[in-house]
Amino acid sequence: MKLSVFIQSRMDDILHEWDTFARQVAPEGSGMSDVALRDHAREMLEGIVQEMAHAHPRSADERRLRSREGGDAFEAGSAAAQHGDQRQSADFTLLQLSAEFRVLRETVMRLWLPTIERLDAGCADEIVRFNEALDRALAESIVAYSDRTNQTRELFLAVLGHDLRAPLATLALSGALLARPDLPDGRQGVIAGNVTRATQLMQRIVNDLLGFTRTQLGKGLPIERGRTSLQQVIKDALEDARAAYPNTRFECDIDAALVGDYDGTRLYQLFVNLLVNAAQHGAADTPVRIEAHRVGERHVVHVTNEGVPIPDAALHSIFKPLVQLDSEGDGDDGRPRTSLGLGLFISREIAEGHDGTIAVRSNPAQGTRFTVDLPCSADAAHSGDQAGHAAATVSPAAT
């Protein structure tokens, strides 16, 4: 049986092996469905079959020349190109992408060769045509993957410049106002507040960038553990969030005895990111609520806001960098809605660095809730048995 006909007749068997391998190499925690894992595999195979069926026989010299030339222009919208683009957005590496095609090649050859009674020139020509078509599909996938990577990098730099423009403009304006000899009495305090908020915003952006860079270099976020009061960390984070969003009402319900072996600075960064995110995307007339309790041998923290729920399709990618939620206008802190989207990504890295987890659920009835689950340290496992319970409400009233 001709190889092109064989592929068409055994398509389901070949695709089943593709699915199995794709699941093995898929990034951990990606949660990709069977449809997403298979992606454009069927269309690519059908395209390979079609190319093999319509290819004209070539002499040895023609094949040698073709193998050494650049080849035809790639099809930007081909199934293979779309597959490469999709795999990049799903956090597959180039090695994982190319491995899929390697397994596809091996699967087809392994299933087809036992059906051949005699390996003649016609069979050899079929194998060459198949490899040419498959290599072309792989090249199209790699080109699309690389294009998406370059676009992401360019977008990252563009958004960074956009994010920094607002606080820099605030600092420039504040400096100009302070230089005026006719500045009214009492205005210094207002200007100082603007400068403080702008510098805090820039500091958060820089911290997020540094954390993101370390993770991309494979080093992970440095975690320096020590005996830490989770209650105090959350209260400090609330102060920062309140300064950034003075018109938002924050409510908290925190056990006083949440002590663990944590990096307080990193957890502070995590909870500031969650609180600022909740204030930014929550409904203006409803509070942002943070709750922290001990559940068995775990410390569980919930950050909840009302408002438009996150679409189900976005929930699986919300912790990826350069993913932003939809909202209207600019924030109280002047941060544009085109922000880098690194806050939730860094939050996940911090939680995982503490052997914990972070998850989100969102629906119209219950609002959007982020849940951070952290292990209790051994020395803190019984520290809360006799401790009290602290509850507080932080209002937007001026201090």
Protein backbone atom coordinates (compact mmCIF):
# COMPACT_ATOMS: atom_id res chain seq x y z
CA MET A 1 0.00 0.00 0.00
CA LYS A 2 1.31 3.45 -0.89
CA LEU A 3 2.42 5.38 2.17
CA SER A 4 0.06 8.30 1.49
CA VAL A 5 -2.89 5.90 1.26
CA PHE A 6 -1.72 4.06 4.39
CA ILE A 7 -1.58 7.28 6.41
CA GLN A 8 -5.11 8.15 5.34
CA SER A 9 -6.41 4.69 6.27
CA ARG A 10 -4.66 4.55 9.66
CA MET A 11 -5.17 8.21 10.56
CA ASP A 12 -6.94 7.51 13.86
CA ASP A 13 -4.25 5.11 15.08
CA ILE A 14 -1.50 7.60 14.25
CA LEU A 15 -3.35 10.45 15.94
CA HIS A 16 -3.91 8.36 19.06
CA GLU A 17 -0.14 7.99 19.48
CA TRP A 18 0.27 11.72 18.84
CA ASP A 19 -2.20 12.46 21.64
CA THR A 20 -0.43 10.12 24.05
CA PHE A 21 2.98 11.68 23.45
CA ALA A 22 1.66 15.25 23.46
CA ARG A 23 0.20 14.65 26.91
CA GLN A 24 3.54 13.32 28.14
CA VAL A 25 5.49 16.40 27.04
CA ALA A 26 2.83 19.03 27.77
CA PRO A 27 4.00 21.64 30.34
CA GLU A 28 3.18 20.59 33.88
CA GLY A 29 -0.08 22.04 35.13
CA SER A 30 -1.14 23.20 31.66
CA GLY A 31 -4.53 21.48 31.99
CA MET A 32 -4.80 21.17 28.21
CA SER A 33 -7.82 19.31 26.90
CA ASP A 34 -7.61 16.45 24.42
CA VAL A 35 -8.71 18.83 21.67
CA ALA A 36 -5.95 21.32 22.53
CA LEU A 37 -3.32 18.58 22.70
CA ARG A 38 -4.24 17.23 19.28
CA ASP A 39 -4.54 20.75 17.95
CA HIS A 40 -3.93 20.73 14.16
CA ALA A 41 -2.46 17.22 13.94
CA ARG A 42 -5.18 15.83 11.66
CA GLU A 43 -5.01 18.81 9.30
CA MET A 44 -1.21 18.55 9.17
CA LEU A 45 -1.33 14.84 8.32
CA GLU A 46 -3.96 15.45 5.66
CA GLY A 47 -1.76 18.20 4.21
CA ILE A 48 1.23 15.84 4.16
CA VAL A 49 -0.82 13.20 2.39
CA GLN A 50 -2.00 15.72 -0.18
CA GLU A 51 1.53 17.00 -0.80
CA MET A 52 2.82 13.44 -1.23
CA ALA A 53 0.03 12.54 -3.63
CA HIS A 54 0.64 15.54 -5.89
CA ALA A 55 4.43 15.60 -5.79
CA HIS A 56 6.13 14.94 -9.12
CA PRO A 57 8.86 12.30 -9.30
CA ARG A 58 12.35 13.81 -9.09
CA SER A 59 15.71 12.62 -10.22
CA ALA A 60 18.58 12.16 -7.77
CA ASP A 61 20.10 15.47 -8.88
CA GLU A 62 16.79 17.31 -8.37
CA ARG A 63 16.44 15.88 -4.87
CA ARG A 64 20.00 16.87 -4.01
CA LEU A 65 19.44 20.44 -5.21
CA ARG A 66 16.12 20.73 -3.38
CA SER A 67 17.67 19.56 -0.10
CA ARG A 68 20.25 22.34 -0.33
CA GLU A 69 18.01 25.26 -1.31
CA GLY A 70 15.91 27.45 0.93
CA GLY A 71 12.68 25.91 -0.29
CA ASP A 72 9.39 27.60 -1.12
CA ALA A 73 7.93 30.38 1.00
CA PHE A 74 6.19 29.04 4.08
CA GLU A 75 2.43 29.29 4.43
CA ALA A 76 1.72 31.57 7.38
CA GLY A 77 -1.80 30.24 7.87
CA SER A 78 -1.12 26.55 7.32
CA ALA A 79 -2.14 23.96 9.88
CA ALA A 80 1.52 23.45 10.81
CA ALA A 81 2.04 27.18 11.30
CA GLN A 82 -1.05 27.43 13.49
CA HIS A 83 0.20 24.46 15.49
CA GLY A 84 3.54 26.15 16.16
CA ASP A 85 1.80 29.35 17.21
CA GLN A 86 -0.53 27.45 19.54
CA ARG A 87 2.27 25.44 21.12
CA GLN A 88 4.24 28.62 21.89
CA SER A 89 1.22 30.16 23.61
CA ALA A 90 0.78 26.91 25.60
CA ASP A 91 4.39 27.17 26.93
CA PHE A 92 5.78 24.24 24.94
CA THR A 93 9.52 24.54 24.29
CA LEU A 94 11.01 24.25 20.82
CA LEU A 95 12.44 20.88 21.82
CA GLN A 96 8.98 19.65 22.83
CA LEU A 97 7.52 20.97 19.58
CA SER A 98 10.14 19.24 17.42
CA ALA A 99 9.79 16.04 19.48
CA GLU A 100 6.13 15.83 18.46
CA PHE A 101 7.15 15.69 14.81
CA ARG A 102 9.90 13.18 15.56
CA VAL A 103 7.36 10.88 17.19
CA LEU A 104 4.94 11.40 14.32
CA ARG A 105 7.65 10.34 11.86
CA GLU A 106 8.56 7.28 13.94
CA THR A 107 4.92 6.25 14.38
CA VAL A 108 4.13 6.36 10.67
CA MET A 109 7.27 4.40 9.72
CA ARG A 110 6.77 1.82 12.46
CA LEU A 111 3.18 1.12 11.41
CA TRP A 112 3.76 1.18 7.66
CA LEU A 113 7.02 -0.73 7.14
CA PRO A 114 5.68 -4.11 8.37
CA THR A 115 3.04 -3.93 5.62
CA ILE A 116 5.70 -3.73 2.88
CA GLU A 117 6.64 -7.05 1.29
CA ARG A 118 9.58 -5.68 -0.69
CA LEU A 119 11.39 -2.35 -0.20
CA ASP A 120 11.81 -1.21 -3.80
CA ALA A 121 12.49 2.12 -5.49
CA GLY A 122 8.82 3.06 -5.27
CA CYS A 123 8.81 2.58 -1.48
CA ALA A 124 12.00 4.60 -1.17
CA ASP A 125 10.40 7.42 -3.16
CA GLU A 126 7.35 7.34 -0.87
CA ILE A 127 9.61 7.62 2.21
CA VAL A 128 11.49 10.55 0.70
CA ARG A 129 8.25 12.36 -0.17
CA PHE A 130 6.88 11.78 3.32
CA ASN A 131 10.04 13.13 4.98
CA GLU A 132 10.10 16.17 2.72
CA ALA A 133 6.47 16.99 3.53
CA LEU A 134 6.94 16.37 7.25
CA ASP A 135 10.11 18.47 7.37
CA ARG A 136 8.26 21.27 5.64
CA ALA A 137 5.48 21.10 8.24
CA LEU A 138 8.05 21.13 11.04
CA ALA A 139 9.79 24.16 9.53
CA GLU A 140 6.47 26.02 9.24
CA SER A 141 5.73 25.24 12.90
CA ILE A 142 9.16 26.46 14.03
CA VAL A 143 8.86 29.68 12.02
CA ALA A 144 5.42 30.40 13.50
CA TYR A 145 6.68 29.53 17.00
CA SER A 146 9.64 31.89 16.61
CA ASP A 147 7.45 34.67 15.20
CA ARG A 148 5.11 34.42 18.20
CA THR A 149 8.12 34.50 20.57
CA ASN A 150 9.46 37.64 18.89
CA GLN A 151 6.05 39.29 18.99
CA THR A 152 5.72 38.51 22.70
CA ARG A 153 9.13 40.02 23.39
CA GLU A 154 8.27 43.17 21.45
CA LEU A 155 4.92 43.44 23.20
CA PHE A 156 6.63 42.98 26.56
CA LEU A 157 8.99 45.91 25.89
CA ALA A 158 6.21 48.10 24.50
CA VAL A 159 3.93 47.50 27.47
CA LEU A 160 6.80 48.08 29.91
CA GLY A 161 7.39 51.51 28.39
CA HIS A 162 3.66 52.22 28.56
CA ASP A 163 3.45 51.12 32.20
CA LEU A 164 6.32 53.34 33.28
CA ARG A 165 5.10 56.39 31.39
CA ALA A 166 2.29 57.25 33.83
CA PRO A 167 4.33 57.26 37.10
CA LEU A 168 7.21 59.04 35.37
CA ALA A 169 4.81 61.73 34.20
CA THR A 170 3.53 62.07 37.78
CA LEU A 171 7.08 62.52 39.08
CA ALA A 172 7.90 65.08 36.40
CA LEU A 173 4.76 67.08 37.11
CA SER A 174 5.36 66.94 40.85
CA GLY A 175 8.90 68.22 40.40
CA ALA A 176 7.66 71.10 38.26
CA LEU A 177 5.02 72.06 40.84
CA LEU A 178 7.50 71.98 43.72
CA ALA A 179 9.82 74.29 41.76
CA ARG A 180 7.15 76.98 41.49
CA PRO A 181 7.76 79.90 43.87
CA ASP A 182 4.02 80.55 44.16
CA LEU A 183 3.10 77.05 45.32
CA PRO A 184 0.19 77.43 47.78
CA ASP A 185 0.70 76.31 51.38
CA GLY A 186 -0.59 72.80 52.00
CA ARG A 187 0.00 71.60 48.46
CA GLN A 188 3.29 69.97 49.45
CA GLY A 189 1.47 67.16 51.23
CA VAL A 190 -0.69 66.36 48.20
CA ILE A 191 2.31 66.39 45.89
CA ALA A 192 4.28 64.17 48.29
CA GLY A 193 1.43 61.68 48.25
CA ASN A 194 1.46 61.61 44.45
CA VAL A 195 5.22 61.07 44.42
CA THR A 196 4.93 58.25 46.95
CA ARG A 197 2.25 56.43 44.97
CA ALA A 198 4.20 56.83 41.71
CA THR A 199 7.40 55.47 43.22
CA GLN A 200 5.52 52.58 44.84
CA LEU A 201 4.02 51.69 41.47
CA MET A 202 7.42 51.80 39.77
CA GLN A 203 8.89 49.67 42.54
CA ARG A 204 6.22 47.02 42.03
CA ILE A 205 6.87 46.99 38.29
CA VAL A 206 10.62 46.62 38.84
CA ASN A 207 10.12 43.87 41.43
CA ASP A 208 7.84 41.97 39.06
CA LEU A 209 10.35 42.34 36.23
CA LEU A 210 13.21 41.07 38.38
CA GLY A 211 11.17 38.11 39.54
CA PHE A 212 10.05 37.29 36.00
CA THR A 213 13.63 37.51 34.70
CA ARG A 214 14.90 35.09 37.33
CA THR A 215 12.25 32.53 36.48
CA GLN A 216 13.03 32.79 32.76
CA LEU A 217 16.71 32.16 33.51
CA GLY A 218 15.72 28.95 35.26
CA LYS A 219 16.87 30.12 38.69
CA GLY A 220 13.47 30.55 40.26
CA LEU A 221 12.64 33.15 42.87
CA PRO A 222 15.00 33.18 45.87
CA ILE A 223 13.11 32.19 49.02
CA GLU A 224 14.70 33.03 52.39
CA ARG A 225 12.62 31.38 55.07
CA GLY A 226 12.30 32.49 58.66
CA ARG A 227 9.69 32.50 61.41
CA THR A 228 7.01 34.79 60.02
CA SER A 229 3.64 36.09 61.18
CA LEU A 230 1.27 35.72 58.26
CA GLN A 231 -1.14 38.11 59.96
CA GLN A 232 1.45 40.89 60.00
CA VAL A 233 2.49 40.24 56.40
CA ILE A 234 -1.13 40.54 55.25
CA LYS A 235 -1.68 43.74 57.26
CA ASP A 236 1.42 45.30 55.68
CA ALA A 237 0.17 44.27 52.23
CA LEU A 238 -3.21 45.83 53.01
CA GLU A 239 -1.55 49.16 53.81
CA ASP A 240 0.19 49.18 50.45
CA ALA A 241 -2.98 48.20 48.57
CA ARG A 242 -4.95 50.84 50.43
CA ALA A 243 -2.41 53.52 49.50
CA ALA A 244 -2.64 52.50 45.83
CA TYR A 245 -6.48 52.33 45.87
CA PRO A 246 -7.71 54.83 48.47
CA ASN A 247 -11.28 54.66 47.16
CA THR A 248 -11.56 50.89 47.65
CA ARG A 249 -12.90 49.40 50.87
CA PHE A 250 -10.82 46.50 52.14
CA GLU A 251 -12.18 44.02 54.67
CA CYS A 252 -10.13 41.37 56.42
CA ASP A 253 -10.70 38.40 58.69
CA ILE A 254 -7.36 36.98 59.77
CA ASP A 255 -6.40 34.45 62.43
CA ALA A 256 -3.79 36.02 64.69
CA ALA A 257 -1.77 32.82 65.14
CA LEU A 258 -0.77 32.11 61.55
CA VAL A 259 2.95 31.67 62.08
CA GLY A 260 5.09 29.69 59.65
CA ASP A 261 8.51 29.19 58.13
CA TYR A 262 8.06 31.68 55.30
CA ASP A 263 9.80 34.42 53.37
CA GLY A 264 7.85 37.41 54.65
CA THR A 265 9.06 39.75 51.90
CA ARG A 266 7.97 37.39 49.15
CA LEU A 267 4.57 36.67 50.71
CA TYR A 268 4.07 40.42 51.15
CA GLN A 269 4.69 40.77 47.40
CA LEU A 270 2.22 37.95 46.69
CA PHE A 271 -0.61 39.42 48.76
CA VAL A 272 -0.04 42.97 47.47
CA ASN A 273 -0.36 41.62 43.93
CA LEU A 274 -3.62 39.82 44.77
CA LEU A 275 -5.13 42.77 46.64
CA VAL A 276 -4.18 45.28 43.94
CA ASN A 277 -5.54 42.94 41.27
CA ALA A 278 -8.81 42.56 43.19
CA ALA A 279 -9.15 46.32 43.68
CA GLN A 280 -8.36 46.99 40.04
CA HIS A 281 -10.94 44.56 38.67
CA GLY A 282 -13.56 44.58 41.41
CA ALA A 283 -16.84 46.47 41.34
CA ALA A 284 -16.38 50.01 42.68
CA ASP A 285 -19.23 49.83 45.20
CA THR A 286 -18.24 46.50 46.80
CA PRO A 287 -15.36 45.66 49.15
CA VAL A 288 -12.30 43.55 48.53
CA ARG A 289 -12.17 40.88 51.22
CA ILE A 290 -9.16 38.94 52.46
CA GLU A 291 -9.54 35.98 54.82
CA ALA A 292 -6.75 33.91 56.34
CA HIS A 293 -7.35 30.82 58.48
CA ARG A 294 -5.68 27.62 59.49
CA VAL A 295 -7.22 24.47 58.01
CA GLY A 296 -5.58 21.34 59.42
CA GLU A 297 -1.88 21.63 58.69
CA ARG A 298 -2.37 24.36 56.06
CA HIS A 299 -2.73 28.11 56.10
CA VAL A 300 -5.41 29.14 53.61
CA VAL A 301 -5.83 32.73 52.40
CA HIS A 302 -8.76 33.90 50.23
CA VAL A 303 -8.85 37.22 48.35
CA THR A 304 -12.30 37.93 46.95
CA ASN A 305 -13.80 40.72 44.86
CA GLU A 306 -17.15 41.24 43.17
CA GLY A 307 -17.58 42.39 39.60
CA VAL A 308 -17.47 40.95 36.11
CA PRO A 309 -16.31 37.31 36.38
CA ILE A 310 -13.26 36.00 34.58
CA PRO A 311 -14.29 34.01 31.47
CA ASP A 312 -13.81 30.27 31.83
CA ALA A 313 -11.53 30.21 28.80
CA ALA A 314 -9.13 32.64 30.54
CA LEU A 315 -8.93 30.88 33.90
CA HIS A 316 -6.31 28.31 32.79
CA SER A 317 -3.94 31.03 31.48
CA ILE A 318 -4.46 33.74 34.07
CA PHE A 319 -1.16 33.00 35.85
CA LYS A 320 0.88 33.34 32.67
CA PRO A 321 2.93 36.51 31.99
CA LEU A 322 1.51 39.07 29.57
CA VAL A 323 -2.05 37.96 30.29
CA GLN A 324 -4.29 40.84 31.37
CA LEU A 325 -7.88 40.87 32.51
CA ASP A 326 -10.40 43.17 30.90
CA SER A 327 -11.46 46.21 32.86
CA GLU A 328 -12.37 49.78 32.12
CA GLY A 329 -10.24 52.87 32.44
CA ASP A 330 -7.07 53.34 34.45
CA GLY A 331 -6.61 52.37 38.06
CA ASP A 332 -6.65 54.66 41.09
CA ASP A 333 -2.85 54.37 41.10
CA GLY A 334 -2.62 55.53 37.49
CA ARG A 335 -1.52 52.13 36.26
CA PRO A 336 -2.83 51.57 32.73
CA ARG A 337 -4.93 48.54 31.98
CA THR A 338 -2.29 47.34 29.50
CA SER A 339 -0.03 46.30 32.40
CA LEU A 340 2.55 43.55 31.93
CA GLY A 341 0.35 41.00 33.63
CA LEU A 342 3.29 39.77 35.71
CA GLY A 343 1.65 40.14 39.13
CA LEU A 344 -0.30 36.88 39.08
CA PHE A 345 2.58 35.04 37.44
CA ILE A 346 4.94 36.16 40.23
CA SER A 347 2.30 35.28 42.82
CA ARG A 348 2.15 31.72 41.53
CA GLU A 349 5.95 31.44 41.61
CA ILE A 350 6.05 32.67 45.21
CA ALA A 351 3.32 30.25 46.33
CA GLU A 352 5.06 27.32 44.65
CA GLY A 353 8.39 28.43 46.14
CA HIS A 354 6.79 27.89 49.56
CA ASP A 355 5.57 24.40 48.56
CA GLY A 356 2.09 25.88 48.30
CA THR A 357 -0.50 26.48 45.61
CA ILE A 358 -2.61 29.31 44.25
CA ALA A 359 -5.93 28.82 42.48
CA VAL A 360 -8.81 30.95 41.23
CA ARG A 361 -12.53 30.49 40.72
CA SER A 362 -14.86 33.11 39.29
CA ASN A 363 -18.60 33.26 38.70
CA PRO A 364 -21.36 35.90 38.86
CA ALA A 365 -22.87 34.56 42.10
CA GLN A 366 -19.71 34.34 44.21
CA GLY A 367 -17.40 36.81 42.55
CA THR A 368 -13.72 36.17 41.86
CA ARG A 369 -11.74 34.39 44.58
CA PHE A 370 -8.02 33.65 44.63
CA THR A 371 -6.99 31.01 47.15
CA VAL A 372 -3.43 30.65 48.45
CA ASP A 373 -2.72 27.38 50.27
CA LEU A 374 0.53 27.24 52.29
CA PRO A 375 1.88 24.46 54.51
CA CYS A 376 2.30 25.09 58.23
CA SER A 377 5.91 24.69 59.34
CA ALA A 378 6.69 21.98 61.88
CA ASP A 379 7.54 24.41 64.66
CA ALA A 380 4.33 26.38 64.04
CA ALA A 381 2.02 23.38 63.82
CA HIS A 382 0.70 23.86 67.36
CA SER A 383 1.49 27.52 67.90
CA GLY A 384 -2.06 28.64 67.18
CA ASP A 385 -3.87 26.36 69.62
CA GLN A 386 -4.06 28.95 72.37
CA ALA A 387 -3.90 32.09 70.27
CA GLY A 388 -6.71 34.49 69.66
CA HIS A 389 -8.49 35.56 66.55
CA ALA A 390 -8.13 38.99 64.94
CA ALA A 391 -10.70 40.55 62.68
CA ALA A 392 -10.57 44.04 61.24
CA THR A 393 -12.09 46.22 58.59
CA VAL A 394 -9.90 48.67 56.70
CA SER A 395 -11.91 51.53 55.28
CA PRO A 396 -10.83 54.07 52.68
CA ALA A 397 -10.96 56.88 55.23
CA ALA A 398 -7.89 59.09 55.27
CA THR A 399 -5.23 58.44 57.91
